[in-house]
């Protein structure tokens, strides 16, 4: 996991992500994988990806869940748009509070 990273990516990911957001082993693996994939796709360094994600995060919600959501949005933009549209459509149905969609 962390040992597989290049030395220039290892320190920023360790300090700026894993320790800062107190990620457990599984969360760390997921976050590191997403950062690496985004960096490769966008031809950026891990530090640039981390900065982009943190700039996009709400200041009120800066926690590990928000970090993981922002990484997911960057990694899978089309899927994220579909999920947001689905949620918006379900909210527009004005269903009673206890009801769930299947």
Protein backbone atom coordinates (compact mmCIF):
# COMPACT_ATOMS: atom_id res chain seq x y z
CA UNK A 1 0.00 0.00 0.00
CA UNK A 2 2.11 2.95 1.21
CA UNK A 3 5.34 1.15 0.43
CA UNK A 4 4.24 0.75 -3.20
CA UNK A 5 4.11 4.51 -3.72
CA UNK A 6 6.92 6.51 -5.23
CA UNK A 7 9.00 8.36 -2.62
CA UNK A 8 7.78 11.78 -3.80
CA UNK A 9 4.15 10.68 -3.30
CA UNK A 10 4.65 8.70 -0.10
CA UNK A 11 5.32 11.60 2.29
CA UNK A 12 2.50 13.93 1.14
CA UNK A 13 -0.05 11.12 1.22
CA UNK A 14 1.11 10.00 4.65
CA UNK A 15 1.18 13.48 6.21
CA UNK A 16 -1.59 15.27 4.31
CA UNK A 17 -4.09 12.46 4.15
CA UNK A 18 -3.61 9.35 6.28
CA UNK A 19 -2.48 11.04 9.50
CA UNK A 20 -4.49 14.24 9.07
CA UNK A 21 -7.80 12.42 8.52
CA UNK A 22 -6.96 9.46 10.79
CA UNK A 23 -7.79 6.84 8.18
CA UNK A 24 -7.92 3.18 9.10
CA UNK A 25 -6.24 0.53 6.96
CA UNK A 26 -9.16 -0.05 4.57
CA UNK A 27 -9.89 3.66 4.20
CA UNK A 28 -6.20 4.32 3.56
CA UNK A 29 -6.09 1.69 0.84
CA UNK A 30 -9.18 3.14 -0.86
CA UNK A 31 -7.97 6.75 -0.63
CA UNK A 32 -4.45 5.95 -1.83
CA UNK A 33 -5.83 3.99 -4.77
CA UNK A 34 -8.13 6.84 -5.77
CA UNK A 35 -5.38 9.45 -5.45
CA UNK A 36 -3.02 7.34 -7.58
CA UNK A 37 -5.66 6.70 -10.26
CA UNK A 38 -6.64 10.37 -10.47
CA UNK A 39 -3.00 11.44 -10.61
CA UNK A 40 -2.26 9.00 -13.44
CA UNK A 41 -5.35 9.94 -15.43
CA UNK A 42 -4.91 13.70 -15.02
CA UNK A 43 -1.09 13.57 -15.21
CA UNK A 44 -0.71 15.31 -11.86
CA UNK A 45 1.30 14.63 -8.75
CA UNK A 46 -0.35 13.18 -5.66
CA UNK A 47 0.17 16.53 -3.93
CA UNK A 48 -1.75 18.34 -6.67
CA UNK A 49 -4.62 15.86 -6.42
CA UNK A 50 -4.73 16.22 -2.62
CA UNK A 51 -4.77 20.02 -2.94
CA UNK A 52 -7.57 19.86 -5.54
CA UNK A 53 -9.64 17.62 -3.29
CA UNK A 54 -9.12 19.74 -0.18
CA UNK A 55 -9.97 22.93 -2.09
CA UNK A 56 -13.23 21.35 -3.27
CA UNK A 57 -14.23 20.25 0.24
CA UNK A 58 -16.68 22.25 2.36
CA UNK A 59 -14.86 23.91 5.23
CA UNK A 60 -17.64 22.85 7.60
CA UNK A 61 -17.40 19.18 6.63
CA UNK A 62 -13.64 18.65 6.33
CA UNK A 63 -13.47 15.07 7.54
CA UNK A 64 -12.61 11.68 6.18
CA UNK A 65 -16.09 11.06 4.78
CA UNK A 66 -16.02 14.31 2.80
CA UNK A 67 -12.49 13.47 1.61
CA UNK A 68 -13.62 10.07 0.35
CA UNK A 69 -16.69 11.58 -1.35
CA UNK A 70 -14.62 14.22 -3.14
CA UNK A 71 -12.13 11.60 -4.30
CA UNK A 72 -15.01 9.48 -5.60
CA UNK A 73 -16.40 12.50 -7.49
CA UNK A 74 -13.01 13.13 -9.08
CA UNK A 75 -12.31 9.47 -9.83
CA UNK A 76 -15.78 8.65 -11.20
CA UNK A 77 -17.33 11.93 -12.45
CA UNK A 78 -20.01 10.32 -14.66
CA UNK A 79 -21.15 7.94 -11.91
CA UNK A 80 -21.24 10.78 -9.39
CA UNK A 81 -23.42 12.89 -11.70
CA UNK A 82 -25.87 10.02 -12.19
CA UNK A 83 -26.05 9.37 -8.43
CA UNK A 84 -26.64 13.07 -7.70
CA UNK A 85 -29.37 13.27 -10.36
CA UNK A 86 -31.03 10.14 -8.96
CA UNK A 87 -30.98 11.59 -5.45
CA UNK A 88 -32.40 14.87 -6.73
CA UNK A 89 -35.21 13.04 -8.58
CA UNK A 90 -36.08 10.96 -5.52
CA UNK A 91 -36.12 14.11 -3.36
CA UNK A 92 -38.48 15.77 -5.86
CA UNK A 93 -41.00 12.94 -5.40
CA UNK A 94 -41.82 14.38 -1.94
CA UNK A 95 -42.31 10.92 -0.46
CA UNK A 96 -43.21 10.54 3.23
CA UNK A 97 -40.19 10.53 5.55
CA UNK A 98 -40.27 6.81 6.38
CA UNK A 99 -40.44 5.57 2.79
CA UNK A 100 -37.45 4.16 0.94
CA UNK A 101 -36.80 3.58 -2.74
CA UNK A 102 -35.63 0.16 -3.85
